[in-house]
């Protein structure tokens, strides 16, 4: 019995000490993050900005040092941080290019357009943009299309298939659970309430949705056509072929991408592009603390 109490007490003491140690470790790390959050980051020569776009994009992110401790990666970033990083990279003479590491980016079309326009503006300098993706979603490819080189994993694919919507209707659900609705609707094309009073799209809703999606798709096609020097008719034909289900070699033949490469190859690709043995990399999170500079070579 004495041995049992002794070992139990030792275990409890050990747990308490471990908890105290972890608390002070987390607290000291938090203080270090807070202390360094306002420290300027100096960019060294031969640096490349890495845009790791495997995130959920919000209009403006809120810095939370505690979450940086808990989470191994920042899964939510602000559009403003990405745009500011690109603008700073354009004018910083020590940053020679941008490396886009494509992933599963969750963002609105307006955000995709803003990032793409910022990259187009970045290209008014002599700096390069290289993109890599294990697989490109349609939005990711729209951004990556402005790159000087687009690399795709040999086992990956490019989603290029057009735009569609699939609205949900709750009318039968609400009826089955006994929910009554009092809805006031005015105007033929006022379809916001249709999911609660209809079981399918009205003709007016279908018409306006089709016009909106068609205009958006044509805008994307024209943008990719200009960036990749592929005719709009050819891009429409490729979309009809559902590129994601085609062999990766077909994406290369169709000029949607430039090379089939593995992620491990990209360091060498960037070295050759920069003619630099040991290029440096900086993330857009680190770019938050890079002072704004004016590059005389930037237009």
Protein backbone atom coordinates (compact mmCIF):
# COMPACT_ATOMS: atom_id res chain seq x y z
CA UNK A 1 0.00 0.00 0.00
CA UNK A 2 2.87 2.35 0.83
CA UNK A 3 4.49 1.63 -2.55
CA UNK A 4 1.20 2.34 -4.32
CA UNK A 5 0.82 5.70 -2.56
CA UNK A 6 4.46 6.53 -3.24
CA UNK A 7 4.20 5.84 -6.97
CA UNK A 8 0.84 7.60 -7.21
CA UNK A 9 2.23 10.70 -5.49
CA UNK A 10 5.30 10.64 -7.74
CA UNK A 11 3.08 10.41 -10.84
CA UNK A 12 0.89 13.31 -9.72
CA UNK A 13 3.95 15.40 -8.88
CA UNK A 14 5.45 14.63 -12.27
CA UNK A 15 2.24 15.65 -14.07
CA UNK A 16 2.05 18.91 -12.13
CA UNK A 17 5.68 19.76 -12.86
CA UNK A 18 5.22 18.90 -16.55
CA UNK A 19 2.14 21.11 -16.74
CA UNK A 20 3.95 24.01 -15.07
CA UNK A 21 6.92 23.56 -17.41
CA UNK A 22 4.71 23.51 -20.50
CA UNK A 23 2.83 26.58 -19.28
CA UNK A 24 6.01 28.61 -18.83
CA UNK A 25 7.36 27.33 -22.16
CA UNK A 26 4.19 28.41 -23.99
CA UNK A 27 4.13 31.72 -22.11
CA UNK A 28 7.75 32.50 -22.94
CA UNK A 29 7.18 31.58 -26.60
CA UNK A 30 4.14 33.86 -26.69
CA UNK A 31 6.16 36.72 -25.23
CA UNK A 32 8.90 36.11 -27.80
CA UNK A 33 6.36 36.20 -30.63
CA UNK A 34 4.83 39.39 -29.30
CA UNK A 35 8.24 40.97 -28.87
CA UNK A 36 9.31 40.05 -32.41
CA UNK A 37 6.02 40.96 -34.10
CA UNK A 38 7.12 44.57 -34.59
CA UNK A 39 10.77 43.82 -35.42
CA UNK A 40 11.76 44.76 -38.95
CA UNK A 41 12.88 41.86 -41.17
CA UNK A 42 15.78 42.64 -43.47
CA UNK A 43 15.72 40.83 -46.82
CA UNK A 44 19.09 39.52 -47.95
CA UNK A 45 20.30 39.32 -51.54
CA UNK A 46 19.07 36.56 -53.87
CA UNK A 47 15.76 36.04 -52.07
CA UNK A 48 12.55 34.56 -53.45
CA UNK A 49 9.09 35.25 -52.02
CA UNK A 50 7.17 32.02 -51.47
CA UNK A 51 3.39 32.22 -51.81
CA UNK A 52 2.15 29.01 -50.23
CA UNK A 53 -1.49 29.12 -51.25
CA UNK A 54 -2.88 26.22 -49.26
CA UNK A 55 -5.06 28.40 -47.08
CA UNK A 56 -8.49 29.84 -46.45
CA UNK A 57 -8.49 33.47 -47.48
CA UNK A 58 -10.28 36.19 -45.55
CA UNK A 59 -10.52 39.88 -46.38
CA UNK A 60 -8.28 40.80 -43.47
CA UNK A 61 -6.63 38.40 -41.02
CA UNK A 62 -6.27 39.09 -37.30
CA UNK A 63 -2.83 38.29 -35.89
CA UNK A 64 -3.08 35.69 -33.13
CA UNK A 65 0.32 34.62 -31.76
CA UNK A 66 -1.34 32.02 -29.50
CA UNK A 67 -2.76 30.20 -32.54
CA UNK A 68 0.72 30.15 -34.07
CA UNK A 69 1.80 28.10 -31.04
CA UNK A 70 -1.16 25.74 -31.10
CA UNK A 71 -1.27 25.23 -34.87
CA UNK A 72 1.61 24.00 -37.00
CA UNK A 73 0.47 26.23 -39.85
CA UNK A 74 -1.58 29.34 -40.29
CA UNK A 75 -4.58 27.98 -42.23
CA UNK A 76 -6.35 31.35 -42.48
CA UNK A 77 -4.61 34.37 -43.96
CA UNK A 78 -5.71 37.84 -44.97
CA UNK A 79 -5.93 38.94 -48.59
CA UNK A 80 -4.32 42.20 -47.52
CA UNK A 81 -1.23 40.34 -46.25
CA UNK A 82 -0.74 38.53 -49.57
CA UNK A 83 -1.23 41.68 -51.64
CA UNK A 84 1.13 43.68 -49.43
CA UNK A 85 3.75 40.94 -49.68
CA UNK A 86 3.58 41.01 -53.49
CA UNK A 87 3.80 44.81 -53.58
CA UNK A 88 6.81 44.83 -51.25
CA UNK A 89 8.47 42.08 -53.29
CA UNK A 90 8.07 44.19 -56.42
CA UNK A 91 9.97 47.15 -54.97
CA UNK A 92 12.54 45.28 -52.86
CA UNK A 93 15.77 45.05 -54.86
CA UNK A 94 16.90 41.92 -52.99
CA UNK A 95 13.85 39.88 -54.01
CA UNK A 96 14.39 38.41 -57.46
CA UNK A 97 11.16 36.51 -57.95
CA UNK A 98 8.07 34.79 -56.60
CA UNK A 99 7.54 31.07 -56.16
CA UNK A 100 3.85 30.08 -56.09
CA UNK A 101 3.28 26.83 -54.22
CA UNK A 102 -0.27 25.99 -55.24
CA UNK A 103 -2.58 24.04 -52.97
CA UNK A 104 -6.25 24.06 -52.07
CA UNK A 105 -7.00 27.76 -51.87
CA UNK A 106 -10.44 28.68 -50.52
CA UNK A 107 -11.23 32.16 -51.77
CA UNK A 108 -13.82 34.21 -53.61
CA UNK A 109 -13.35 35.06 -57.26
CA UNK A 110 -12.79 38.70 -56.29
CA UNK A 111 -9.85 37.63 -54.10
CA UNK A 112 -8.41 35.45 -56.88
CA UNK A 113 -8.66 38.40 -59.26
CA UNK A 114 -6.95 40.73 -56.78
CA UNK A 115 -4.01 38.33 -56.29
CA UNK A 116 -3.68 37.73 -60.02
CA UNK A 117 -3.70 41.45 -60.79
CA UNK A 118 -1.02 42.03 -58.15
CA UNK A 119 1.14 39.35 -59.79
CA UNK A 120 0.60 40.89 -63.22
CA UNK A 121 1.77 44.20 -61.78
CA UNK A 122 4.78 42.42 -60.24
CA UNK A 123 5.72 41.19 -63.73
CA UNK A 124 6.21 44.76 -64.94
CA UNK A 125 9.66 44.38 -63.39
CA UNK A 126 12.40 42.06 -64.64
CA UNK A 127 11.61 39.62 -61.83
CA UNK A 128 10.30 36.10 -62.42
CA UNK A 129 7.30 34.07 -61.24
CA UNK A 130 7.44 30.27 -61.06
CA UNK A 131 4.43 28.15 -60.06
CA UNK A 132 4.26 24.56 -58.88
CA UNK A 133 1.25 22.42 -58.00
CA UNK A 134 0.68 18.78 -57.17
CA UNK A 135 -2.75 19.56 -58.58
CA UNK A 136 -4.30 22.84 -59.70
CA UNK A 137 -7.85 23.79 -58.85
CA UNK A 138 -9.45 26.09 -61.40
CA UNK A 139 -8.93 29.13 -59.17
CA UNK A 140 -5.32 28.20 -58.46
CA UNK A 141 -4.63 27.71 -62.14
CA UNK A 142 -6.19 31.09 -62.93
CA UNK A 143 -3.65 32.68 -60.57
CA UNK A 144 -0.73 30.51 -61.74
CA UNK A 145 -1.43 31.22 -65.41
CA UNK A 146 0.49 34.51 -65.14
CA UNK A 147 3.71 32.70 -64.13
CA UNK A 148 6.73 32.51 -66.42
CA UNK A 149 6.84 28.76 -65.78
CA UNK A 150 4.03 26.48 -64.61
CA UNK A 151 5.15 23.13 -63.19
CA UNK A 152 2.81 20.21 -62.48
CA UNK A 153 3.40 16.98 -60.59
CA UNK A 154 3.55 14.09 -63.13
CA UNK A 155 0.81 12.35 -61.14
CA UNK A 156 -1.30 15.50 -60.75
CA UNK A 157 -3.83 17.30 -62.88
CA UNK A 158 -5.37 20.64 -63.84
CA UNK A 159 -9.03 21.35 -63.15
CA UNK A 160 -10.24 23.28 -66.18
CA UNK A 161 -13.89 22.57 -66.78
CA UNK A 162 -15.97 25.75 -66.66
CA UNK A 163 -18.22 27.11 -63.92
CA UNK A 164 -21.43 25.76 -62.42
CA UNK A 165 -23.61 26.19 -59.35
CA UNK A 166 -25.78 23.71 -57.47
CA UNK A 167 -28.19 25.57 -55.20
CA UNK A 168 -29.79 23.86 -52.21
CA UNK A 169 -33.50 24.04 -51.43
CA UNK A 170 -34.94 23.65 -47.93
CA UNK A 171 -38.68 23.87 -48.64
CA UNK A 172 -39.47 20.20 -48.04
CA UNK A 173 -37.20 20.06 -44.99
CA UNK A 174 -38.92 23.02 -43.37
CA UNK A 175 -42.30 21.52 -44.16
CA UNK A 176 -41.37 18.15 -42.63
CA UNK A 177 -40.14 19.65 -39.37
CA UNK A 178 -43.14 21.97 -39.11
CA UNK A 179 -41.46 25.31 -39.69
CA UNK A 180 -43.74 28.02 -41.00
CA UNK A 181 -42.35 30.82 -43.19
CA UNK A 182 -43.54 34.35 -43.71
CA UNK A 183 -41.72 35.63 -46.77
CA UNK A 184 -42.28 38.83 -48.72
CA UNK A 185 -40.85 38.89 -52.22
CA UNK A 186 -40.92 41.70 -54.76
CA UNK A 187 -39.59 41.58 -58.33
CA UNK A 188 -39.08 38.82 -60.88
CA UNK A 189 -35.33 38.46 -60.37
CA UNK A 190 -35.38 38.60 -56.55
CA UNK A 191 -34.39 34.98 -55.97
CA UNK A 192 -32.67 35.12 -52.57
CA UNK A 193 -35.68 33.55 -50.82
CA UNK A 194 -36.26 30.79 -53.39
CA UNK A 195 -34.40 28.09 -51.40
CA UNK A 196 -37.12 28.44 -48.70
CA UNK A 197 -40.22 28.48 -50.93
CA UNK A 198 -39.27 26.49 -54.06
CA UNK A 199 -37.91 23.03 -54.85
CA UNK A 200 -36.00 24.07 -57.97
CA UNK A 201 -34.64 27.20 -59.63
CA UNK A 202 -37.17 29.49 -61.23
CA UNK A 203 -36.62 30.42 -64.87
CA UNK A 204 -35.68 33.98 -63.86
CA UNK A 205 -33.14 32.73 -61.35
CA UNK A 206 -31.71 30.26 -63.86
CA UNK A 207 -31.42 33.03 -66.45
CA UNK A 208 -29.59 35.53 -64.23
CA UNK A 209 -27.30 32.86 -62.77
CA UNK A 210 -26.40 31.69 -66.27
CA UNK A 211 -25.56 35.22 -67.41
CA UNK A 212 -23.41 35.83 -64.33
CA UNK A 213 -21.49 32.54 -64.66
CA UNK A 214 -21.01 32.95 -68.39
CA UNK A 215 -19.53 36.45 -67.99
CA UNK A 216 -17.26 35.25 -65.19
CA UNK A 217 -16.08 32.25 -67.19
CA UNK A 218 -15.38 34.33 -70.33
CA UNK A 219 -13.33 36.72 -68.19
CA UNK A 220 -11.25 33.80 -66.89
CA UNK A 221 -10.81 32.33 -70.37
CA UNK A 222 -9.67 35.66 -71.82
CA UNK A 223 -7.21 36.16 -68.95
CA UNK A 224 -5.66 32.72 -69.36
CA UNK A 225 -5.65 33.14 -73.15
CA UNK A 226 -3.56 36.31 -72.90
CA UNK A 227 -1.22 34.89 -70.26
CA UNK A 228 -0.62 31.51 -71.91
CA UNK A 229 -0.96 32.54 -75.57
CA UNK A 230 -3.69 29.97 -76.15
CA UNK A 231 -6.77 30.90 -78.17
CA UNK A 232 -10.08 31.25 -76.35
CA UNK A 233 -11.61 28.63 -78.66
CA UNK A 234 -8.89 26.16 -77.70
CA UNK A 235 -9.42 26.86 -74.00
CA UNK A 236 -13.14 26.22 -74.42
CA UNK A 237 -12.36 22.96 -76.19
CA UNK A 238 -10.03 21.90 -73.38
CA UNK A 239 -12.69 22.73 -70.78
CA UNK A 240 -15.13 20.44 -72.60
CA UNK A 241 -12.58 17.63 -72.31
CA UNK A 242 -12.57 17.84 -68.48
CA UNK A 243 -8.81 18.28 -68.18
CA UNK A 244 -8.64 16.88 -64.64
CA UNK A 245 -9.44 13.43 -66.03
CA UNK A 246 -6.93 13.65 -68.88
CA UNK A 247 -3.33 12.37 -68.61
CA UNK A 248 -0.89 14.96 -67.30
CA UNK A 249 1.03 14.70 -70.57
CA UNK A 250 -2.03 16.11 -72.34
CA UNK A 251 -1.91 19.24 -70.14
CA UNK A 252 1.70 19.66 -71.25
CA UNK A 253 0.83 19.12 -74.92
CA UNK A 254 -2.03 21.60 -74.63
CA UNK A 255 0.38 24.25 -73.25
CA UNK A 256 -1.63 24.69 -70.06
CA UNK A 257 1.61 23.92 -68.22
CA UNK A 258 5.29 24.17 -69.13
CA UNK A 259 6.92 21.24 -67.36
CA UNK A 260 6.16 18.07 -65.41
CA UNK A 261 8.19 18.25 -62.21
CA UNK A 262 8.20 17.01 -58.64
CA UNK A 263 8.22 19.35 -55.66
CA UNK A 264 11.75 18.19 -54.85
CA UNK A 265 12.87 19.49 -58.27
CA UNK A 266 11.79 23.06 -57.63
CA UNK A 267 14.85 24.19 -55.66
CA UNK A 268 17.01 23.26 -58.63
CA UNK A 269 14.61 24.98 -61.04
CA UNK A 270 14.81 28.20 -59.03
CA UNK A 271 18.60 27.93 -58.73
CA UNK A 272 18.92 27.69 -62.50
CA UNK A 273 16.52 30.59 -63.00
CA UNK A 274 18.51 32.80 -60.63
CA UNK A 275 21.93 31.41 -61.51
CA UNK A 276 22.41 31.20 -57.76
CA UNK A 277 23.73 28.21 -55.81
CA UNK A 278 21.90 28.99 -52.56
CA UNK A 279 18.81 31.15 -53.07
CA UNK A 280 17.00 32.35 -49.95
CA UNK A 281 13.26 32.14 -49.40
CA UNK A 282 10.88 34.36 -47.47
CA UNK A 283 7.21 33.71 -46.74
CA UNK A 284 4.42 36.25 -47.06
CA UNK A 285 3.97 36.05 -43.28
CA UNK A 286 7.57 37.19 -42.82
CA UNK A 287 7.00 39.93 -45.38
CA UNK A 288 4.63 41.63 -42.93
CA UNK A 289 7.66 43.01 -41.09
CA UNK A 290 9.71 43.91 -44.16
CA UNK A 291 9.92 47.70 -44.51
CA UNK A 292 8.46 49.19 -47.66
CA UNK A 293 11.22 50.13 -50.09
CA UNK A 294 11.44 51.69 -53.52
CA UNK A 295 13.31 49.67 -56.13
CA UNK A 296 14.75 52.00 -58.78
CA UNK A 297 14.42 49.16 -61.32
CA UNK A 298 10.70 48.79 -60.69
CA UNK A 299 8.42 50.49 -63.18
